[in-house]
Amino acid sequence: MKQPLEKPNTPAPDHFRYHRPHAHLASAFGNDRFALRAEAFARFFGTPAFLGAQTLVVVLWVALNTLGFSHFDAYPFILLNLAFSLQSAYAAPLILLAQTRQATRDKANAEADAQHREALAVAAEERQALAERNSVRLIELMEQNTRLTELTQQLAERIEHLTLEVHGHVCPRSQ
């Protein structure tokens, strides 16, 4: 009689779990419009486009004020320093916010990777155990097949012997 293979009581794997948003990634800063915009702005601070634009603005500012086209900020460029101070006052917290959010995402991804590796290890152990059980069962079935083959051979020899005996009694040899 054929016995069904045992299936471990594990839930079906969720192959799309890394493509869905992680609920545990909501940080203290939130995922609202302000937080997302602030993070995008903080990320923009490190781009070549921002550095080029800022350099262009500073060069124009200094050129306009030193070459005499306009005198809205005379030589020590107090207004320019104030603008840089204001920019740095907002840039530093925004950059820290972006770094904190990225660290939170990295931690969540690392935890998800660890859970995935653990699930793979458990699945490998289950496959190994199933393979060992199947090997033991196969060896048992082969041994049983060998015993049945030997028994069949013994019975065939016994039938042949009995057939010769019956034939000897039914058809005696003529002398």
N, C-alpha and C. Protein backbone atom coordinates (compact mmCIF):
# COMPACT_ATOMS: atom_id res chain seq x y z
N MET A 1 0.85 -1.18 0.00
CA MET A 1 0.00 0.00 0.00
C MET A 1 0.89 1.23 0.00
N LYS A 2 0.53 2.18 -0.82
CA LYS A 2 1.29 3.40 -0.98
C LYS A 2 0.90 4.40 0.11
N GLN A 3 1.91 4.92 0.80
CA GLN A 3 1.64 5.91 1.84
C GLN A 3 1.96 7.30 1.29
N PRO A 4 1.11 8.29 1.54
CA PRO A 4 1.39 9.65 1.06
C PRO A 4 2.59 10.23 1.80
N LEU A 5 3.33 11.09 1.11
CA LEU A 5 4.48 11.75 1.73
C LEU A 5 3.98 12.73 2.78
N GLU A 6 4.73 12.81 3.87
CA GLU A 6 4.35 13.73 4.95
C GLU A 6 4.71 15.15 4.53
N LYS A 7 3.81 16.08 4.77
CA LYS A 7 4.07 17.49 4.51
C LYS A 7 4.17 18.21 5.84
N PRO A 8 5.23 18.99 6.02
CA PRO A 8 5.33 19.73 7.28
C PRO A 8 4.23 20.79 7.37
N ASN A 9 3.87 21.12 8.59
CA ASN A 9 2.81 22.10 8.83
C ASN A 9 3.39 23.51 8.80
N THR A 10 3.83 23.92 7.61
CA THR A 10 4.36 25.27 7.47
C THR A 10 3.47 26.02 6.49
N PRO A 11 3.30 27.32 6.72
CA PRO A 11 2.47 28.10 5.79
C PRO A 11 3.15 28.23 4.43
N ALA A 12 2.36 28.50 3.44
CA ALA A 12 2.90 28.68 2.09
C ALA A 12 3.81 29.90 2.08
N PRO A 13 4.94 29.83 1.37
CA PRO A 13 5.85 30.98 1.35
C PRO A 13 5.24 32.17 0.63
N ASP A 14 5.51 33.35 1.15
CA ASP A 14 5.02 34.58 0.55
C ASP A 14 6.14 35.14 -0.31
N HIS A 15 6.09 34.86 -1.61
CA HIS A 15 7.18 35.23 -2.51
C HIS A 15 7.22 36.73 -2.81
N PHE A 16 6.16 37.45 -2.53
CA PHE A 16 6.11 38.88 -2.82
C PHE A 16 6.34 39.74 -1.59
N ARG A 17 6.79 39.17 -0.48
CA ARG A 17 6.91 39.93 0.77
C ARG A 17 7.91 41.07 0.67
N TYR A 18 8.91 40.97 -0.20
CA TYR A 18 9.92 42.04 -0.31
C TYR A 18 9.48 43.13 -1.28
N HIS A 19 8.36 42.91 -1.96
CA HIS A 19 7.87 43.90 -2.90
C HIS A 19 6.74 44.75 -2.33
N ARG A 20 6.25 44.39 -1.15
CA ARG A 20 5.20 45.16 -0.50
C ARG A 20 5.83 46.15 0.47
N PRO A 21 5.17 47.28 0.71
CA PRO A 21 5.71 48.21 1.71
C PRO A 21 5.70 47.55 3.09
N HIS A 22 6.78 47.77 3.82
CA HIS A 22 6.88 47.19 5.16
C HIS A 22 6.15 48.09 6.16
N ALA A 23 5.25 47.51 6.91
CA ALA A 23 4.50 48.28 7.91
C ALA A 23 5.42 48.79 9.01
N HIS A 24 6.47 48.05 9.31
CA HIS A 24 7.35 48.44 10.40
C HIS A 24 8.37 49.51 9.98
N LEU A 25 8.28 50.00 8.74
CA LEU A 25 9.20 51.04 8.31
C LEU A 25 8.72 52.45 8.62
N ALA A 26 7.52 52.58 9.15
CA ALA A 26 7.02 53.91 9.49
C ALA A 26 7.87 54.44 10.64
N SER A 27 8.60 55.51 10.37
CA SER A 27 9.52 56.03 11.37
C SER A 27 8.84 57.08 12.24
N ALA A 28 9.59 57.60 13.17
CA ALA A 28 9.07 58.64 14.05
C ALA A 28 8.75 59.90 13.27
N PHE A 29 9.37 60.07 12.10
CA PHE A 29 9.12 61.24 11.28
C PHE A 29 7.88 61.08 10.44
N GLY A 30 7.38 59.85 10.34
CA GLY A 30 6.16 59.60 9.59
C GLY A 30 6.40 59.47 8.10
N ASN A 31 5.36 59.09 7.40
CA ASN A 31 5.42 58.96 5.96
C ASN A 31 4.47 59.95 5.29
N ASP A 32 4.21 61.04 5.98
CA ASP A 32 3.31 62.04 5.41
C ASP A 32 4.04 62.86 4.34
N ARG A 33 3.33 63.76 3.75
CA ARG A 33 3.86 64.55 2.64
C ARG A 33 5.07 65.37 3.08
N PHE A 34 4.99 65.98 4.26
CA PHE A 34 6.11 66.81 4.73
C PHE A 34 7.38 65.97 4.89
N ALA A 35 7.26 64.82 5.54
CA ALA A 35 8.44 63.98 5.78
C ALA A 35 9.05 63.52 4.46
N LEU A 36 8.22 63.13 3.52
CA LEU A 36 8.74 62.67 2.24
C LEU A 36 9.39 63.81 1.46
N ARG A 37 8.77 64.99 1.50
CA ARG A 37 9.34 66.16 0.82
C ARG A 37 10.64 66.60 1.49
N ALA A 38 10.65 66.58 2.81
CA ALA A 38 11.86 66.98 3.54
C ALA A 38 13.01 66.04 3.22
N GLU A 39 12.70 64.77 3.15
CA GLU A 39 13.75 63.80 2.82
C GLU A 39 14.23 63.99 1.38
N ALA A 40 13.32 64.24 0.47
CA ALA A 40 13.71 64.47 -0.93
C ALA A 40 14.58 65.73 -1.03
N PHE A 41 14.21 66.77 -0.29
CA PHE A 41 14.99 68.00 -0.31
C PHE A 41 16.38 67.77 0.28
N ALA A 42 16.45 67.01 1.37
CA ALA A 42 17.74 66.71 1.99
C ALA A 42 18.61 65.90 1.04
N ARG A 43 18.01 64.99 0.32
CA ARG A 43 18.78 64.21 -0.66
C ARG A 43 19.28 65.11 -1.80
N PHE A 44 18.51 66.14 -2.14
CA PHE A 44 18.90 67.06 -3.21
C PHE A 44 20.15 67.86 -2.83
N PHE A 45 20.36 68.11 -1.52
CA PHE A 45 21.52 68.89 -1.07
C PHE A 45 22.84 68.28 -1.52
N GLY A 46 22.89 66.98 -1.68
CA GLY A 46 24.16 66.33 -2.02
C GLY A 46 24.36 66.09 -3.51
N THR A 47 23.51 66.63 -4.33
CA THR A 47 23.62 66.36 -5.77
C THR A 47 24.51 67.39 -6.46
N PRO A 48 25.11 67.02 -7.57
CA PRO A 48 25.91 67.98 -8.34
C PRO A 48 25.06 69.15 -8.85
N ALA A 49 23.80 68.90 -9.15
CA ALA A 49 22.93 69.98 -9.62
C ALA A 49 22.79 71.07 -8.55
N PHE A 50 22.60 70.66 -7.29
CA PHE A 50 22.48 71.64 -6.21
C PHE A 50 23.78 72.41 -6.04
N LEU A 51 24.91 71.70 -6.02
CA LEU A 51 26.20 72.37 -5.83
C LEU A 51 26.49 73.33 -6.99
N GLY A 52 26.17 72.93 -8.20
CA GLY A 52 26.37 73.81 -9.35
C GLY A 52 25.48 75.03 -9.28
N ALA A 53 24.20 74.83 -8.93
CA ALA A 53 23.26 75.95 -8.83
C ALA A 53 23.69 76.91 -7.72
N GLN A 54 24.11 76.38 -6.59
CA GLN A 54 24.53 77.23 -5.47
C GLN A 54 25.79 78.00 -5.86
N THR A 55 26.70 77.37 -6.53
CA THR A 55 27.92 78.06 -6.96
C THR A 55 27.57 79.17 -7.94
N LEU A 56 26.65 78.89 -8.85
CA LEU A 56 26.23 79.90 -9.81
C LEU A 56 25.58 81.10 -9.11
N VAL A 57 24.72 80.84 -8.13
CA VAL A 57 24.06 81.92 -7.38
C VAL A 57 25.10 82.76 -6.64
N VAL A 58 26.08 82.11 -6.01
CA VAL A 58 27.10 82.85 -5.25
C VAL A 58 27.95 83.69 -6.20
N VAL A 59 28.34 83.12 -7.33
CA VAL A 59 29.15 83.88 -8.30
C VAL A 59 28.37 85.08 -8.82
N LEU A 60 27.10 84.89 -9.17
CA LEU A 60 26.27 86.00 -9.63
C LEU A 60 26.10 87.06 -8.53
N TRP A 61 25.85 86.61 -7.32
CA TRP A 61 25.66 87.52 -6.18
C TRP A 61 26.88 88.41 -6.01
N VAL A 62 28.04 87.75 -5.95
CA VAL A 62 29.28 88.49 -5.74
C VAL A 62 29.56 89.39 -6.94
N ALA A 63 29.36 88.90 -8.15
CA ALA A 63 29.62 89.70 -9.36
C ALA A 63 28.71 90.91 -9.41
N LEU A 64 27.43 90.74 -9.14
CA LEU A 64 26.49 91.87 -9.17
C LEU A 64 26.86 92.94 -8.15
N ASN A 65 27.33 92.51 -6.98
CA ASN A 65 27.62 93.47 -5.92
C ASN A 65 29.02 94.07 -6.02
N THR A 66 29.95 93.42 -6.63
CA THR A 66 31.30 93.97 -6.72
C THR A 66 31.53 94.74 -8.01
N LEU A 67 30.84 94.38 -9.08
CA LEU A 67 31.04 95.05 -10.36
C LEU A 67 30.16 96.28 -10.51
N GLY A 68 29.29 96.54 -9.56
CA GLY A 68 28.52 97.76 -9.56
C GLY A 68 27.17 97.68 -10.25
N PHE A 69 26.73 96.52 -10.64
CA PHE A 69 25.40 96.42 -11.26
C PHE A 69 24.31 96.67 -10.22
N SER A 70 24.57 96.25 -9.02
CA SER A 70 23.59 96.41 -7.95
C SER A 70 24.36 96.46 -6.64
N HIS A 71 23.77 97.11 -5.64
CA HIS A 71 24.45 97.19 -4.35
C HIS A 71 23.50 96.76 -3.23
N PHE A 72 22.80 95.66 -3.41
CA PHE A 72 21.89 95.20 -2.35
C PHE A 72 22.62 94.49 -1.23
N ASP A 73 23.91 94.09 -1.44
CA ASP A 73 24.70 93.45 -0.38
C ASP A 73 26.15 93.85 -0.61
N ALA A 74 26.63 94.84 0.14
CA ALA A 74 27.99 95.36 -0.03
C ALA A 74 29.02 94.34 0.44
N TYR A 75 30.32 94.70 0.24
CA TYR A 75 31.43 93.76 0.32
C TYR A 75 31.42 92.72 1.44
N PRO A 76 31.29 92.90 2.67
CA PRO A 76 31.45 91.68 3.46
C PRO A 76 30.31 90.68 3.24
N PHE A 77 29.36 91.09 2.36
CA PHE A 77 28.26 90.19 1.95
C PHE A 77 27.51 89.61 3.15
N ILE A 78 27.05 90.50 4.00
CA ILE A 78 26.33 90.10 5.21
C ILE A 78 25.05 89.34 4.83
N LEU A 79 24.32 89.83 3.84
CA LEU A 79 23.08 89.16 3.43
C LEU A 79 23.36 87.76 2.88
N LEU A 80 24.46 87.61 2.15
CA LEU A 80 24.85 86.29 1.63
C LEU A 80 25.19 85.35 2.79
N ASN A 81 25.93 85.87 3.78
CA ASN A 81 26.23 85.05 4.97
C ASN A 81 24.95 84.67 5.70
N LEU A 82 24.01 85.59 5.79
CA LEU A 82 22.74 85.30 6.44
C LEU A 82 21.99 84.21 5.67
N ALA A 83 22.03 84.30 4.33
CA ALA A 83 21.37 83.28 3.51
C ALA A 83 22.00 81.91 3.72
N PHE A 84 23.35 81.88 3.79
CA PHE A 84 24.03 80.60 4.04
C PHE A 84 23.71 80.07 5.45
N SER A 85 23.65 80.95 6.41
CA SER A 85 23.31 80.52 7.77
C SER A 85 21.90 79.95 7.81
N LEU A 86 20.97 80.64 7.15
CA LEU A 86 19.60 80.15 7.10
C LEU A 86 19.52 78.80 6.39
N GLN A 87 20.26 78.70 5.30
CA GLN A 87 20.27 77.43 4.56
C GLN A 87 20.83 76.30 5.43
N SER A 88 21.92 76.56 6.13
CA SER A 88 22.52 75.51 6.96
C SER A 88 21.64 75.18 8.16
N ALA A 89 20.90 76.19 8.66
CA ALA A 89 20.00 75.92 9.78
C ALA A 89 18.89 74.95 9.39
N TYR A 90 18.47 75.00 8.14
CA TYR A 90 17.45 74.05 7.66
C TYR A 90 18.06 72.78 7.08
N ALA A 91 19.23 72.92 6.47
CA ALA A 91 19.83 71.76 5.80
C ALA A 91 20.27 70.70 6.80
N ALA A 92 20.89 71.12 7.89
CA ALA A 92 21.41 70.14 8.85
C ALA A 92 20.30 69.24 9.41
N PRO A 93 19.18 69.79 9.92
CA PRO A 93 18.13 68.89 10.41
C PRO A 93 17.52 68.03 9.30
N LEU A 94 17.40 68.59 8.10
CA LEU A 94 16.84 67.80 7.01
C LEU A 94 17.77 66.64 6.63
N ILE A 95 19.06 66.91 6.62
CA ILE A 95 20.02 65.84 6.32
C ILE A 95 19.99 64.78 7.43
N LEU A 96 19.92 65.20 8.67
CA LEU A 96 19.82 64.24 9.77
C LEU A 96 18.54 63.43 9.67
N LEU A 97 17.45 64.08 9.30
CA LEU A 97 16.18 63.38 9.12
C LEU A 97 16.32 62.32 8.03
N ALA A 98 16.92 62.68 6.90
CA ALA A 98 17.11 61.71 5.82
C ALA A 98 18.00 60.56 6.25
N GLN A 99 19.06 60.85 7.00
CA GLN A 99 19.96 59.79 7.48
C GLN A 99 19.24 58.86 8.45
N THR A 100 18.43 59.43 9.33
CA THR A 100 17.69 58.62 10.30
C THR A 100 16.69 57.73 9.58
N ARG A 101 15.99 58.28 8.62
CA ARG A 101 15.02 57.48 7.86
C ARG A 101 15.73 56.37 7.07
N GLN A 102 16.89 56.67 6.50
CA GLN A 102 17.64 55.66 5.76
C GLN A 102 18.14 54.58 6.71
N ALA A 103 18.60 54.98 7.90
CA ALA A 103 19.06 53.99 8.88
C ALA A 103 17.91 53.08 9.29
N THR A 104 16.72 53.65 9.44
CA THR A 104 15.55 52.84 9.79
C THR A 104 15.24 51.85 8.67
N ARG A 105 15.30 52.31 7.43
CA ARG A 105 15.06 51.42 6.30
C ARG A 105 16.12 50.32 6.22
N ASP A 106 17.38 50.70 6.43
CA ASP A 106 18.47 49.71 6.39
C ASP A 106 18.29 48.66 7.47
N LYS A 107 17.89 49.10 8.67
CA LYS A 107 17.67 48.16 9.77
C LYS A 107 16.52 47.21 9.43
N ALA A 108 15.43 47.74 8.90
CA ALA A 108 14.29 46.90 8.55
C ALA A 108 14.66 45.92 7.44
N ASN A 109 15.43 46.39 6.45
CA ASN A 109 15.87 45.48 5.39
C ASN A 109 16.79 44.40 5.93
N ALA A 110 17.67 44.77 6.86
CA ALA A 110 18.57 43.78 7.46
C ALA A 110 17.76 42.74 8.24
N GLU A 111 16.74 43.19 8.98
CA GLU A 111 15.89 42.25 9.72
C GLU A 111 15.12 41.34 8.77
N ALA A 112 14.62 41.92 7.67
CA ALA A 112 13.90 41.11 6.69
C ALA A 112 14.84 40.09 6.04
N ASP A 113 16.08 40.50 5.76
CA ASP A 113 17.06 39.56 5.20
C ASP A 113 17.36 38.44 6.19
N ALA A 114 17.50 38.80 7.46
CA ALA A 114 17.78 37.77 8.48
C ALA A 114 16.60 36.79 8.58
N GLN A 115 15.38 37.31 8.55
CA GLN A 115 14.22 36.42 8.58
C GLN A 115 14.18 35.53 7.35
N HIS A 116 14.55 36.09 6.20
CA HIS A 116 14.57 35.30 4.96
C HIS A 116 15.62 34.20 5.05
N ARG A 117 16.82 34.55 5.55
CA ARG A 117 17.87 33.52 5.70
C ARG A 117 17.43 32.44 6.67
N GLU A 118 16.76 32.83 7.75
CA GLU A 118 16.27 31.85 8.72
C GLU A 118 15.23 30.94 8.08
N ALA A 119 14.32 31.52 7.29
CA ALA A 119 13.30 30.71 6.61
C ALA A 119 13.95 29.75 5.63
N LEU A 120 14.99 30.20 4.94
CA LEU A 120 15.71 29.31 4.01
C LEU A 120 16.39 28.17 4.77
N ALA A 121 16.97 28.49 5.91
CA ALA A 121 17.64 27.46 6.71
C ALA A 121 16.63 26.43 7.21
N VAL A 122 15.47 26.89 7.68
CA VAL A 122 14.43 25.97 8.16
C VAL A 122 13.94 25.10 7.01
N ALA A 123 13.73 25.71 5.84
CA ALA A 123 13.27 24.95 4.68
C ALA A 123 14.30 23.92 4.26
N ALA A 124 15.57 24.28 4.32
CA ALA A 124 16.64 23.33 3.97
C ALA A 124 16.67 22.16 4.97
N GLU A 125 16.51 22.47 6.25
CA GLU A 125 16.47 21.40 7.26
C GLU A 125 15.27 20.48 7.03
N GLU A 126 14.13 21.07 6.70
CA GLU A 126 12.94 20.25 6.44
C GLU A 126 13.14 19.36 5.22
N ARG A 127 13.75 19.92 4.17
CA ARG A 127 14.03 19.11 2.98
C ARG A 127 15.00 17.99 3.30
N GLN A 128 16.02 18.28 4.11
CA GLN A 128 17.00 17.27 4.49
C GLN A 128 16.33 16.16 5.30
N ALA A 129 15.48 16.54 6.24
CA ALA A 129 14.79 15.53 7.05
C ALA A 129 13.87 14.68 6.18
N LEU A 130 13.16 15.31 5.25
CA LEU A 130 12.28 14.57 4.34
C LEU A 130 13.09 13.62 3.46
N ALA A 131 14.25 14.09 2.98
CA ALA A 131 15.10 13.23 2.16
C ALA A 131 15.60 12.02 2.97
N GLU A 132 15.96 12.26 4.23
CA GLU A 132 16.41 11.16 5.09
C GLU A 132 15.28 10.16 5.33
N ARG A 133 14.07 10.66 5.59
CA ARG A 133 12.92 9.76 5.80
C ARG A 133 12.64 8.96 4.53
N ASN A 134 12.70 9.64 3.39
CA ASN A 134 12.46 8.95 2.12
C ASN A 134 13.53 7.90 1.85
N SER A 135 14.78 8.21 2.20
CA SER A 135 15.87 7.23 2.01
C SER A 135 15.66 6.01 2.88
N VAL A 136 15.29 6.24 4.14
CA VAL A 136 15.04 5.11 5.05
C VAL A 136 13.88 4.27 4.52
N ARG A 137 12.83 4.91 4.08
CA ARG A 137 11.66 4.20 3.54
C ARG A 137 12.04 3.42 2.28
N LEU A 138 12.85 4.01 1.42
CA LEU A 138 13.29 3.34 0.21
C LEU A 138 14.13 2.10 0.52
N ILE A 139 15.01 2.23 1.50
CA ILE A 139 15.82 1.07 1.91
C ILE A 139 14.92 -0.02 2.45
N GLU A 140 13.93 0.34 3.27
CA GLU A 140 12.98 -0.65 3.80
C GLU A 140 12.24 -1.34 2.66
N LEU A 141 11.79 -0.57 1.67
CA LEU A 141 11.06 -1.15 0.54
C LEU A 141 11.98 -2.06 -0.29
N MET A 142 13.24 -1.69 -0.45
CA MET A 142 14.17 -2.54 -1.19
C MET A 142 14.43 -3.85 -0.44
N GLU A 143 14.59 -3.75 0.87
CA GLU A 143 14.78 -4.97 1.68
C GLU A 143 13.55 -5.86 1.59
N GLN A 144 12.39 -5.26 1.67
CA GLN A 144 11.14 -6.03 1.55
C GLN A 144 11.04 -6.67 0.17
N ASN A 145 11.43 -5.94 -0.86
CA ASN A 145 11.42 -6.50 -2.22
C ASN A 145 12.38 -7.67 -2.33
N THR A 146 13.55 -7.54 -1.71
CA THR A 146 14.53 -8.64 -1.73
C THR A 146 13.96 -9.86 -1.03
N ARG A 147 13.33 -9.69 0.13
CA ARG A 147 12.73 -10.82 0.85
C ARG A 147 11.63 -11.47 0.01
N LEU A 148 10.81 -10.64 -0.64
CA LEU A 148 9.73 -11.20 -1.47
C LEU A 148 10.30 -11.95 -2.67
N THR A 149 11.37 -11.44 -3.25
CA THR A 149 12.00 -12.12 -4.38
C THR A 149 12.57 -13.46 -3.93
N GLU A 150 13.22 -13.48 -2.78
CA GLU A 150 13.76 -14.75 -2.25
C GLU A 150 12.63 -15.73 -1.95
N LEU A 151 11.56 -15.25 -1.37
CA LEU A 151 10.41 -16.10 -1.06
C LEU A 151 9.78 -16.65 -2.35
N THR A 152 9.69 -15.78 -3.37
CA THR A 152 9.15 -16.21 -4.66
C THR A 152 10.03 -17.30 -5.27
N GLN A 153 11.33 -17.13 -5.15
CA GLN A 153 12.26 -18.14 -5.68
C GLN A 153 12.11 -19.46 -4.92
N GLN A 154 12.00 -19.39 -3.60
CA GLN A 154 11.81 -20.61 -2.80
C GLN A 154 10.51 -21.31 -3.17
N LEU A 155 9.45 -20.51 -3.33
CA LEU A 155 8.17 -21.11 -3.70
C LEU A 155 8.22 -21.71 -5.09
N ALA A 156 8.90 -21.04 -6.01
CA ALA A 156 9.03 -21.58 -7.36
C ALA A 156 9.80 -22.92 -7.33
N GLU A 157 10.85 -22.99 -6.53
CA GLU A 157 11.61 -24.25 -6.41
C GLU A 157 10.75 -25.34 -5.77
N ARG A 158 9.97 -24.97 -4.80
CA ARG A 158 9.09 -25.95 -4.12
C ARG A 158 8.01 -26.44 -5.09
N ILE A 159 7.45 -25.51 -5.89
CA ILE A 159 6.44 -25.90 -6.88
C ILE A 159 7.05 -26.85 -7.91
N GLU A 160 8.28 -26.52 -8.34
CA GLU A 160 8.94 -27.39 -9.30
C GLU A 160 9.16 -28.78 -8.72
N HIS A 161 9.60 -28.84 -7.47
CA HIS A 161 9.84 -30.13 -6.81
C HIS A 161 8.52 -30.92 -6.69
N LEU A 162 7.45 -30.21 -6.25
CA LEU A 162 6.15 -30.88 -6.11
C LEU A 162 5.61 -31.33 -7.48
N THR A 163 5.81 -30.51 -8.49
CA THR A 163 5.36 -30.86 -9.83
C THR A 163 6.08 -32.12 -10.30
N LEU A 164 7.37 -32.19 -10.07
CA LEU A 164 8.12 -33.40 -10.45
C LEU A 164 7.64 -34.61 -9.65
N GLU A 165 7.32 -34.42 -8.39
CA GLU A 165 6.82 -35.52 -7.56
C GLU A 165 5.47 -36.01 -8.09
N VAL A 166 4.56 -35.05 -8.34
CA VAL A 166 3.23 -35.42 -8.84
C VAL A 166 3.39 -36.10 -10.22
N HIS A 167 4.22 -35.56 -11.04
CA HIS A 167 4.44 -36.14 -12.35
C HIS A 167 5.00 -37.55 -12.24
N GLY A 168 5.88 -37.77 -11.26
CA GLY A 168 6.45 -39.10 -11.04
C GLY A 168 5.38 -40.09 -10.58
N HIS A 169 4.40 -39.64 -9.80
CA HIS A 169 3.34 -40.54 -9.34
C HIS A 169 2.30 -40.76 -10.44
N VAL A 170 2.02 -39.74 -11.23
CA VAL A 170 0.97 -39.84 -12.26
C VAL A 170 1.51 -40.58 -13.50
N CYS A 171 2.65 -40.22 -13.87
CA CYS A 171 3.24 -40.83 -15.06
C CYS A 171 4.49 -41.60 -14.64
N PRO A 172 4.29 -42.86 -14.19
CA PRO A 172 5.48 -43.60 -13.76
C PRO A 172 6.37 -43.88 -14.99
N ARG A 173 7.57 -44.00 -14.76
CA ARG A 173 8.52 -44.26 -15.83
C ARG A 173 8.38 -45.69 -16.28
N SER A 174 8.45 -45.79 -17.56
CA SER A 174 8.40 -47.17 -18.06
C SER A 174 9.78 -47.77 -17.99
N GLN A 175 9.79 -49.02 -17.52
CA GLN A 175 11.10 -49.63 -17.30
C GLN A 175 11.41 -50.65 -18.30
